[in-house]
Amino acid sequence: MVFSSHIFLFYFLPLALALYYLSPKGLKHLMLTLMSYVFYGWWNPWFTLLMLVSTFIDYGCGKLITAPGATARQKKVGVTLSVLSNLGILAFFKYCSFAVTNISLLSQWLGWGEVPVPDFLYYIVLPVGISFYTFQSMSYSIDLYRGHAVPAKNFIDFACYVSMFPQLVAGPIVRYGSVADQLQSREHTVEGFVAGFTRFNFGFAKKIFLANPMGAIADPCFAAVDGGLTAPAAWLGIMAYAFQIYFDFSAYSDMAIGLGRMVGFRFPENFNSPYKSKSITEFWRRWHISLSSFLRDYLYIPLGGNRRGNARTYFNLLLVMLIGGLWHGAQWTFVMWGAIHGGMLAFERMMGKDSFYSRLPNAVRVGITFIIVLITWVFFRAENFEVATRYLGAMFGLGGDAPVAGLLSGYLMRPIDWIYVLVCVGVTWALPRSPEVLEKLTPLKVVLGFVLLVTSVMFMYWQGFNPFLYFQF
């Protein structure tokens, strides 16, 4: 079930909110948990069992860590068991087939023969949102171990945190420490509900009016990478994809934050105008903030951060971004995407704050950063390295030599598509830089949000079904 569907909008959401608010105070978390399991099980009921197993493990590990008189060794066992179990679940479902396939290829390259791939690997289905809820569940035991949070009062409260449907399958990644107090006590106000509803409406409109049309431009461009793609069409396609993934993912985050407000929760912001960044370092302070902060606090800093000399700092940055790339998917293209970002982070840190680059005009720095991000998006979007290299070649004038190149270029390069991309550029630049602006509620914003919801629902039926890109991760 996706937010941009009539089943969610007209059936699930009204029912879930009605049952939540009609439930007694002591049963609200139970009701929210049950509805969240219905939401998640809509794709495949068996997925809920895996999430339930992960929830039981981490709740038990939390009990072990916070038990009265628990020793340092006992706490370490608890947090280690939690981390290994969550990473083990993630590795099995997301990376097992990838690892075995690449081991077999390496074995053949070394002349050792082919390593047989077990048949069961072909039947593994990647559970929706597993990368998100395993990180969230794991953060519970880590936060308890570090003393950054208090344990959940009971299993239902913790299960509610792990399974909460607004941000379950595509974030933001909500760390337990950030909502621990809200699970104990939070306010339900009319103003908060209206603010959440309005935030949801703007996010929904962003998905329908901006993300989906950009996808309709990007997909044909990437499908035409077989030699018939000209440089202008290639740049149009990757710009469209850049706006598609930004508006698609940030729209989901807006809707998730809005839905959270509707049931009294405040989730962290996930985007802050990333395409206005003047460097890759700044980009990662603005893009997928919940993931970058998670990797910083739970991986980069424990690895030593920048406290062990420059060489170790550069290595840590590269390693963290490689893992961040692999987190997105079991493909070498994602690893390359992370490697480029990690290399740029290390390079910018090596240059320092007083480099020649920092003295360039802001508009130039924003443009350079955006071009680098576009190049990395090619690897993120491409099915494999061959497609990525062909597409990059087309961007820099090495494509468009097929007999149908001219005809194909005419199809891909419609003026309306360029106009739509330029509209997205304008919207991106016009959107408020600070997320706090989105929290300011005015009558005009409420009315405009409702109008956008009504019109975007009408367009949703015209566009047809279009799931969110980050559901695959």
Protein backbone atom coordinates (compact mmCIF):
# COMPACT_ATOMS: atom_id res chain seq x y z
CA MET A 1 0.00 0.00 0.00
CA VAL A 2 1.41 3.38 -0.98
CA PHE A 3 0.36 6.86 0.10
CA SER A 4 -0.44 7.85 -3.48
CA SER A 5 -3.26 5.34 -3.88
CA HIS A 6 -7.01 5.54 -3.41
CA ILE A 7 -6.95 2.56 -1.04
CA PHE A 8 -4.71 4.44 1.37
CA LEU A 9 -6.38 7.83 1.02
CA PHE A 10 -10.04 6.84 1.14
CA TYR A 11 -10.04 3.61 3.13
CA PHE A 12 -6.98 2.85 5.22
CA LEU A 13 -6.08 6.34 6.48
CA PRO A 14 -9.59 7.40 7.59
CA LEU A 15 -10.12 4.03 9.29
CA ALA A 16 -6.71 4.10 10.98
CA LEU A 17 -7.21 7.64 12.30
CA ALA A 18 -10.75 6.90 13.48
CA LEU A 19 -9.70 3.77 15.35
CA TYR A 20 -6.68 5.53 16.81
CA TYR A 21 -8.61 8.48 18.20
CA LEU A 22 -11.55 6.37 19.37
CA SER A 23 -9.23 4.04 21.30
CA PRO A 24 -8.69 4.67 25.01
CA LYS A 25 -5.38 6.28 25.91
CA GLY A 26 -3.88 3.01 27.09
CA LEU A 27 -4.73 1.23 23.83
CA LYS A 28 -3.68 3.84 21.28
CA HIS A 29 -0.24 2.30 20.73
CA LEU A 30 -1.76 -1.15 20.32
CA MET A 31 -4.23 0.14 17.74
CA LEU A 32 -1.52 2.05 15.87
CA THR A 33 0.65 -1.06 15.86
CA LEU A 34 -2.12 -3.28 14.52
CA MET A 35 -2.98 -0.82 11.76
CA SER A 36 0.71 -0.51 10.89
CA TYR A 37 0.99 -4.28 10.51
CA VAL A 38 -2.04 -4.23 8.21
CA PHE A 39 -0.38 -1.46 6.19
CA TYR A 40 2.91 -3.36 5.92
CA GLY A 41 1.27 -6.72 5.27
CA TRP A 42 -0.63 -5.29 2.33
CA TRP A 43 2.35 -6.08 0.07
CA ASN A 44 3.00 -9.52 1.51
CA PRO A 45 1.61 -10.79 4.85
CA TRP A 46 4.75 -12.87 5.41
CA PHE A 47 6.83 -9.69 5.64
CA THR A 48 5.16 -8.89 8.95
CA LEU A 49 6.61 -12.03 10.55
CA LEU A 50 10.15 -10.91 9.77
CA MET A 51 9.50 -7.47 11.26
CA LEU A 52 7.94 -9.09 14.33
CA VAL A 53 10.99 -11.33 14.82
CA SER A 54 13.32 -8.32 14.58
CA THR A 55 11.15 -6.46 17.08
CA PHE A 56 11.21 -9.31 19.60
CA ILE A 57 15.00 -9.66 19.32
CA ASP A 58 15.70 -5.97 19.89
CA TYR A 59 13.19 -5.67 22.69
CA GLY A 60 14.83 -8.63 24.42
CA CYS A 61 18.28 -7.12 23.86
CA GLY A 62 17.02 -3.89 25.41
CA LYS A 63 15.87 -5.82 28.46
CA LEU A 64 19.30 -7.42 28.72
CA ILE A 65 21.06 -4.07 28.49
CA THR A 66 18.87 -2.28 31.03
CA ALA A 67 18.38 -5.13 33.50
CA PRO A 68 18.99 -4.09 37.13
CA GLY A 69 22.58 -4.74 38.02
CA ALA A 70 23.55 -5.51 34.43
CA THR A 71 27.31 -5.75 34.03
CA ALA A 72 29.32 -4.05 31.31
CA ARG A 73 29.83 -7.44 29.69
CA GLN A 74 26.11 -8.18 29.77
CA LYS A 75 25.31 -4.83 28.15
CA LYS A 76 27.91 -5.43 25.46
CA VAL A 77 26.44 -8.86 24.73
CA GLY A 78 22.99 -7.29 24.39
CA VAL A 79 24.00 -4.57 21.96
CA THR A 80 26.23 -6.93 19.97
CA LEU A 81 23.41 -9.46 19.61
CA SER A 82 21.07 -6.70 18.42
CA VAL A 83 23.50 -5.33 15.84
CA LEU A 84 24.49 -8.74 14.50
CA SER A 85 20.91 -10.00 14.26
CA ASN A 86 19.67 -6.91 12.42
CA LEU A 87 22.63 -6.78 10.08
CA GLY A 88 22.33 -10.55 9.59
CA ILE A 89 18.66 -10.25 8.57
CA LEU A 90 19.50 -7.37 6.23
CA ALA A 91 22.49 -9.23 4.76
CA PHE A 92 20.53 -12.42 4.10
CA PHE A 93 17.59 -10.83 2.33
CA LYS A 94 19.43 -8.03 0.56
CA TYR A 95 23.02 -9.14 -0.05
CA CYS A 96 23.20 -12.94 0.06
CA SER A 97 22.55 -13.46 -3.64
CA PHE A 98 24.82 -10.53 -4.54
CA ALA A 99 27.67 -11.96 -2.45
CA VAL A 100 27.40 -15.52 -3.79
CA THR A 101 27.20 -14.32 -7.39
CA ASN A 102 30.28 -12.15 -7.05
CA ILE A 103 32.21 -14.88 -5.23
CA SER A 104 31.43 -17.19 -8.15
CA LEU A 105 32.62 -14.58 -10.66
CA LEU A 106 35.83 -14.02 -8.66
CA SER A 107 36.43 -17.76 -8.48
CA GLN A 108 36.08 -18.07 -12.26
CA TRP A 109 38.42 -15.12 -12.82
CA LEU A 110 41.06 -16.78 -10.61
CA GLY A 111 40.65 -20.03 -12.53
CA TRP A 112 39.15 -21.97 -9.65
CA GLY A 113 35.93 -22.80 -11.44
CA GLU A 114 32.35 -21.73 -10.94
CA VAL A 115 30.82 -21.66 -7.46
CA PRO A 116 27.27 -23.08 -7.68
CA VAL A 117 24.53 -20.69 -6.61
CA PRO A 118 22.02 -22.38 -4.26
CA ASP A 119 18.56 -22.59 -5.78
CA PHE A 120 16.87 -21.03 -2.74
CA LEU A 121 18.60 -17.69 -3.47
CA TYR A 122 16.45 -17.27 -6.55
CA TYR A 123 13.32 -17.34 -4.39
CA ILE A 124 14.37 -14.71 -1.85
CA VAL A 125 12.05 -11.70 -2.00
CA LEU A 126 13.37 -8.42 -0.63
CA PRO A 127 10.92 -7.23 2.05
CA VAL A 128 9.74 -3.65 1.49
CA GLY A 129 11.51 -1.10 3.67
CA ILE A 130 13.79 -3.62 5.39
CA SER A 131 16.76 -1.23 5.24
CA PHE A 132 14.79 1.37 7.16
CA TYR A 133 13.15 -0.62 9.96
CA THR A 134 16.27 -2.70 10.73
CA PHE A 135 18.24 0.52 11.27
CA GLN A 136 15.48 1.90 13.46
CA SER A 137 15.12 -1.24 15.51
CA MET A 138 18.89 -1.50 15.94
CA SER A 139 19.11 2.11 17.15
CA TYR A 140 17.00 1.15 20.19
CA SER A 141 19.59 -1.14 21.73
CA ILE A 142 22.47 1.16 20.72
CA ASP A 143 20.80 4.19 22.32
CA LEU A 144 20.10 2.20 25.48
CA TYR A 145 23.69 0.95 25.59
CA ARG A 146 25.01 4.49 25.24
CA GLY A 147 22.57 5.83 27.83
CA HIS A 148 20.90 8.14 25.30
CA ALA A 149 17.37 6.82 25.90
CA VAL A 150 15.16 5.13 28.46
CA PRO A 151 13.76 1.66 27.73
CA ALA A 152 10.24 1.28 26.36
CA LYS A 153 7.61 0.76 29.03
CA ASN A 154 6.36 -2.42 27.38
CA PHE A 155 6.60 -4.48 24.21
CA ILE A 156 3.61 -2.78 22.56
CA ASP A 157 5.20 0.65 22.85
CA PHE A 158 8.38 -0.63 21.24
CA ALA A 159 6.47 -2.52 18.54
CA CYS A 160 4.58 0.70 17.80
CA TYR A 161 7.87 2.56 17.37
CA VAL A 162 9.31 -0.05 14.98
CA SER A 163 6.19 -0.54 12.86
CA MET A 164 4.67 2.96 12.75
CA PHE A 165 3.20 3.10 9.24
CA PRO A 166 3.88 6.79 8.39
CA GLN A 167 7.64 6.27 8.12
CA LEU A 168 7.92 2.49 8.11
CA VAL A 169 9.01 1.74 4.56
CA ALA A 170 10.88 4.86 3.36
CA GLY A 171 11.80 6.93 6.37
CA PRO A 172 12.77 9.31 7.72
CA ILE A 173 14.90 6.94 9.82
CA VAL A 174 13.55 7.72 13.27
CA ARG A 175 16.05 6.84 15.98
CA TYR A 176 14.56 5.60 19.20
CA GLY A 177 16.21 8.28 21.30
CA SER A 178 14.45 11.01 19.31
CA VAL A 179 10.93 9.69 20.06
CA ALA A 180 11.42 7.92 23.39
CA ASP A 181 9.78 10.76 25.33
CA GLN A 182 6.95 10.98 22.81
CA LEU A 183 6.17 7.31 23.32
CA GLN A 184 5.78 8.07 27.02
CA SER A 185 3.64 11.17 26.56
CA ARG A 186 2.62 13.49 23.70
CA GLU A 187 -0.07 16.01 22.90
CA HIS A 188 -2.97 15.56 20.51
CA THR A 189 -4.24 18.96 19.42
CA VAL A 190 -6.45 20.22 16.62
CA GLU A 191 -3.70 22.60 15.53
CA GLY A 192 -1.17 19.77 15.39
CA PHE A 193 -3.57 17.58 13.39
CA VAL A 194 -4.31 20.37 10.89
CA ALA A 195 -0.58 21.13 10.57
CA GLY A 196 0.10 17.47 9.86
CA PHE A 197 -2.74 17.24 7.37
CA THR A 198 -1.47 20.33 5.54
CA ARG A 199 2.09 19.00 5.43
CA PHE A 200 0.74 15.74 4.01
CA ASN A 201 -1.23 17.61 1.34
CA PHE A 202 1.80 19.57 0.12
CA GLY A 203 3.88 16.38 0.02
CA PHE A 204 1.17 14.54 -1.91
CA ALA A 205 0.97 17.34 -4.48
CA LYS A 206 4.77 17.34 -4.82
CA LYS A 207 4.67 13.64 -5.64
CA ILE A 208 1.87 13.89 -8.21
CA PHE A 209 2.67 17.20 -9.91
CA LEU A 210 6.49 17.13 -9.86
CA ALA A 211 7.99 13.70 -9.19
CA ASN A 212 5.78 11.61 -11.47
CA PRO A 213 6.12 13.84 -14.56
CA MET A 214 9.90 13.90 -14.09
CA GLY A 215 9.89 10.11 -14.08
CA ALA A 216 7.96 10.13 -17.35
CA ILE A 217 10.82 12.15 -18.87
CA ALA A 218 13.74 10.27 -17.28
CA ASP A 219 12.62 6.70 -18.03
CA PRO A 220 12.54 7.01 -21.86
CA CYS A 221 15.95 8.70 -21.84
CA PHE A 222 17.56 5.85 -19.91
CA ALA A 223 15.74 3.33 -22.11
CA ALA A 224 17.33 4.96 -25.19
CA VAL A 225 20.92 4.47 -24.07
CA ASP A 226 21.69 1.93 -26.81
CA GLY A 227 23.39 4.50 -29.06
CA GLY A 228 20.47 6.67 -30.06
CA LEU A 229 20.76 9.09 -27.14
CA THR A 230 22.13 12.54 -27.96
CA ALA A 231 23.96 14.71 -25.43
CA PRO A 232 21.10 17.21 -24.90
CA ALA A 233 18.62 14.37 -24.40
CA ALA A 234 20.98 12.65 -21.96
CA TRP A 235 21.36 15.81 -19.88
CA LEU A 236 17.61 16.33 -19.96
CA GLY A 237 17.07 12.76 -18.77
CA ILE A 238 19.49 12.88 -15.87
CA MET A 239 18.21 16.29 -14.75
CA ALA A 240 14.69 14.88 -14.83
CA TYR A 241 15.80 11.89 -12.76
CA ALA A 242 17.54 14.18 -10.25
CA PHE A 243 14.30 16.08 -9.72
CA GLN A 244 12.25 12.89 -9.76
CA ILE A 245 14.17 11.25 -6.95
CA TYR A 246 14.34 14.49 -4.95
CA PHE A 247 10.66 15.35 -5.21
CA ASP A 248 9.63 11.71 -4.86
CA PHE A 249 11.64 11.04 -1.72
CA SER A 250 11.13 14.43 -0.10
CA ALA A 251 7.40 14.14 -0.86
CA TYR A 252 7.28 10.84 1.01
CA SER A 253 9.16 12.41 3.92
CA ASP A 254 6.73 15.34 3.96
CA MET A 255 3.77 12.98 4.03
CA ALA A 256 5.38 10.81 6.70
CA ILE A 257 6.11 13.83 8.90
CA GLY A 258 2.57 15.07 8.33
CA LEU A 259 1.01 11.72 9.20
CA GLY A 260 3.16 11.58 12.32
CA ARG A 261 1.85 14.97 13.42
CA MET A 262 -1.70 13.72 12.90
CA VAL A 263 -1.14 11.08 15.61
CA GLY A 264 0.93 13.33 17.86
CA PHE A 265 4.50 12.41 16.83
CA ARG A 266 7.21 14.77 15.60
CA PHE A 267 9.60 13.06 13.22
CA PRO A 268 12.95 14.58 12.18
CA GLU A 269 13.26 16.54 8.95
CA ASN A 270 14.86 14.65 6.10
CA PHE A 271 15.60 17.30 3.46
CA ASN A 272 16.70 20.93 3.44
CA SER A 273 16.95 22.14 -0.18
CA PRO A 274 19.91 19.86 -1.08
CA TYR A 275 20.29 21.16 -4.64
CA LYS A 276 21.20 24.58 -3.24
CA SER A 277 24.36 23.07 -1.75
CA LYS A 278 27.72 24.67 -2.57
CA SER A 279 29.69 21.47 -1.94
CA ILE A 280 29.19 17.73 -1.58
CA THR A 281 29.86 18.12 2.15
CA GLU A 282 26.97 20.56 2.38
CA PHE A 283 24.87 18.32 0.15
CA TRP A 284 25.04 15.53 2.74
CA ARG A 285 23.95 17.93 5.45
CA ARG A 286 20.81 18.57 3.41
CA TRP A 287 20.04 15.27 1.60
CA HIS A 288 18.50 12.28 3.42
CA ILE A 289 19.46 13.90 6.70
CA SER A 290 18.22 11.01 8.82
CA LEU A 291 20.50 8.53 7.01
CA SER A 292 23.58 10.77 6.93
CA SER A 293 23.22 11.56 10.64
CA PHE A 294 22.68 7.85 11.40
CA LEU A 295 25.86 6.89 9.54
CA ARG A 296 27.75 9.73 11.21
CA ASP A 297 26.70 8.87 14.78
CA TYR A 298 26.68 5.07 14.55
CA LEU A 299 29.53 4.45 12.12
CA TYR A 300 31.76 7.44 11.29
CA ILE A 301 32.30 8.61 14.88
CA PRO A 302 32.81 5.08 16.31
CA LEU A 303 35.42 4.51 13.55
CA GLY A 304 37.32 7.48 14.93
CA GLY A 305 35.75 10.28 12.91
CA ASN A 306 38.34 13.00 12.40
CA ARG A 307 40.19 12.36 15.67
CA ARG A 308 42.95 10.07 14.35
CA GLY A 309 44.70 12.16 11.75
CA ASN A 310 43.93 13.19 8.19
CA ALA A 311 44.61 9.87 6.49
CA ARG A 312 42.27 8.01 8.86
CA THR A 313 39.62 10.72 8.42
CA TYR A 314 39.70 10.35 4.62
CA PHE A 315 39.51 6.57 4.95
CA ASN A 316 36.55 6.82 7.35
CA LEU A 317 34.67 9.15 5.01
CA LEU A 318 35.21 6.85 2.04
CA LEU A 319 34.28 3.71 3.98
CA VAL A 320 31.10 5.25 5.43
CA MET A 321 29.91 6.39 2.00
CA LEU A 322 30.74 3.01 0.45
CA ILE A 323 28.55 1.40 3.09
CA GLY A 324 25.93 4.09 2.49
CA GLY A 325 25.93 3.25 -1.19
CA LEU A 326 25.66 -0.48 -0.51
CA TRP A 327 22.82 0.23 1.94
CA HIS A 328 20.77 1.47 -1.00
CA GLY A 329 21.09 -1.76 -2.95
CA ALA A 330 23.12 -4.87 -3.72
CA GLN A 331 24.65 -3.57 -6.94
CA TRP A 332 28.11 -2.29 -7.83
CA THR A 333 26.51 0.82 -9.31
CA PHE A 334 25.39 1.83 -5.81
CA VAL A 335 28.88 1.16 -4.50
CA MET A 336 30.31 3.43 -7.20
CA TRP A 337 27.75 6.10 -6.31
CA GLY A 338 28.89 5.93 -2.68
CA ALA A 339 32.56 5.83 -3.67
CA ILE A 340 32.30 9.05 -5.69
CA HIS A 341 30.50 10.84 -2.87
CA GLY A 342 32.99 9.52 -0.31
CA GLY A 343 35.92 10.54 -2.49
CA MET A 344 34.48 14.03 -2.90
CA LEU A 345 33.91 14.37 0.85
CA ALA A 346 37.54 13.41 1.49
CA PHE A 347 38.78 15.70 -1.29
CA GLU A 348 36.83 18.70 0.01
CA ARG A 349 38.14 18.09 3.52
CA MET A 350 41.66 17.86 2.10
CA MET A 351 41.24 21.21 0.33
CA GLY A 352 40.16 22.92 3.54
CA LYS A 353 37.93 25.93 4.07
CA ASP A 354 40.32 28.47 2.52
CA SER A 355 40.84 26.78 -0.85
CA PHE A 356 40.43 28.53 -4.20
CA TYR A 357 37.09 26.76 -4.59
CA SER A 358 35.66 28.45 -1.50
CA ARG A 359 36.40 31.84 -3.06
CA LEU A 360 34.35 31.18 -6.19
CA PRO A 361 30.93 32.87 -6.46
CA ASN A 362 28.17 30.93 -4.72
CA ALA A 363 26.23 30.41 -7.95
CA VAL A 364 29.30 28.80 -9.56
CA ARG A 365 29.83 26.49 -6.59
CA VAL A 366 26.16 25.47 -6.59
CA GLY A 367 26.38 24.71 -10.32
CA ILE A 368 29.55 22.62 -9.97
CA THR A 369 28.08 20.68 -7.06
CA PHE A 370 24.87 20.01 -8.97
CA ILE A 371 26.80 18.68 -11.98
CA ILE A 372 28.78 16.31 -9.74
CA VAL A 373 25.53 15.12 -8.16
CA LEU A 374 24.02 14.58 -11.63
CA ILE A 375 26.97 12.41 -12.66
CA THR A 376 26.59 10.28 -9.54
CA TRP A 377 22.84 9.93 -10.15
CA VAL A 378 23.67 8.15 -13.42
CA PHE A 379 25.18 5.26 -11.43
CA PHE A 380 22.30 5.35 -8.97
CA ARG A 381 19.69 5.09 -11.74
CA ALA A 382 21.43 2.73 -14.20
CA GLU A 383 20.70 -1.00 -14.05
CA ASN A 384 24.40 -1.88 -14.36
CA PHE A 385 27.83 -0.46 -15.21
CA GLU A 386 27.37 -0.93 -18.94
CA VAL A 387 24.24 1.24 -18.97
CA ALA A 388 25.91 3.81 -16.69
CA THR A 389 29.02 4.15 -18.87
CA ARG A 390 26.95 4.40 -22.05
CA TYR A 391 24.75 7.06 -20.52
CA LEU A 392 27.73 9.06 -19.29
CA GLY A 393 29.24 8.73 -22.75
CA ALA A 394 26.06 10.13 -24.27
CA MET A 395 26.12 13.05 -21.83
CA PHE A 396 29.59 13.99 -23.06
CA GLY A 397 28.91 13.60 -26.78
CA LEU A 398 29.76 9.93 -27.37
CA GLY A 399 26.21 8.78 -28.14
CA GLY A 400 23.52 9.60 -30.66
CA ASP A 401 25.18 7.76 -33.57
CA ALA A 402 22.38 5.26 -34.25
CA PRO A 403 20.34 5.69 -37.47
CA VAL A 404 17.26 6.62 -35.43
CA ALA A 405 19.12 9.14 -33.27
CA GLY A 406 17.49 12.16 -34.88
CA LEU A 407 13.97 10.75 -34.64
CA LEU A 408 14.56 9.59 -31.08
CA SER A 409 16.00 12.95 -30.11
CA GLY A 410 12.89 14.67 -31.46
CA TYR A 411 10.70 12.39 -29.34
CA LEU A 412 12.74 12.87 -26.17
CA MET A 413 13.42 16.57 -26.56
CA ARG A 414 9.88 17.93 -26.59
CA PRO A 415 9.72 21.60 -25.57
CA ILE A 416 7.16 20.80 -22.90
CA ASP A 417 9.68 18.49 -21.20
CA TRP A 418 12.31 21.23 -21.04
CA ILE A 419 9.68 23.62 -19.69
CA TYR A 420 8.71 21.13 -16.99
CA VAL A 421 12.36 20.63 -15.97
CA LEU A 422 12.82 24.41 -15.79
CA VAL A 423 9.68 24.62 -13.63
CA CYS A 424 11.26 22.09 -11.27
CA VAL A 425 14.44 24.17 -11.18
CA GLY A 426 12.37 27.21 -10.25
CA VAL A 427 10.38 25.32 -7.61
CA THR A 428 13.57 23.89 -6.13
CA TRP A 429 15.09 27.35 -5.87
CA ALA A 430 11.87 28.92 -4.54
CA LEU A 431 11.24 26.32 -1.84
CA PRO A 432 12.18 27.58 1.64
CA ARG A 433 15.71 26.78 2.69
CA SER A 434 14.86 26.11 6.32
CA PRO A 435 12.54 23.19 7.25
CA GLU A 436 11.17 25.30 10.10
CA VAL A 437 9.28 27.40 7.55
CA LEU A 438 7.15 24.35 6.74
CA GLU A 439 5.99 24.23 10.34
CA LYS A 440 4.43 27.71 10.28
CA LEU A 441 0.69 27.22 9.90
CA THR A 442 -1.44 29.94 8.26
CA PRO A 443 -5.05 29.90 6.99
CA LEU A 444 -3.81 30.47 3.45
CA LYS A 445 -1.43 27.53 3.67
CA VAL A 446 -4.21 25.26 5.00
CA VAL A 447 -6.62 26.23 2.21
CA LEU A 448 -3.93 25.95 -0.47
CA GLY A 449 -2.90 22.53 0.84
CA PHE A 450 -6.48 21.27 0.66
CA VAL A 451 -6.92 22.58 -2.88
CA LEU A 452 -3.66 20.89 -3.89
CA LEU A 453 -4.85 17.62 -2.36
CA VAL A 454 -8.12 17.66 -4.30
CA THR A 455 -6.48 18.52 -7.62
CA SER A 456 -3.60 16.08 -7.15
CA VAL A 457 -6.03 13.25 -6.37
CA MET A 458 -7.75 13.98 -9.68
CA PHE A 459 -4.39 13.86 -11.47
CA MET A 460 -3.47 10.67 -9.60
CA TYR A 461 -6.27 8.78 -11.36
CA TRP A 462 -5.11 10.15 -14.69
CA GLN A 463 -1.49 9.15 -14.08
CA GLY A 464 -2.24 5.70 -12.74
CA PHE A 465 -0.31 3.79 -10.08
CA ASN A 466 3.19 5.10 -9.36
CA PRO A 467 5.04 3.81 -6.29
CA PHE A 468 7.74 5.69 -4.45
CA LEU A 469 11.32 5.11 -5.64
CA TYR A 470 12.75 4.51 -2.18
CA PHE A 471 10.39 1.57 -1.52
CA GLN A 472 12.94 -0.62 -3.33
CA PHE A 473 15.58 0.12 -0.73
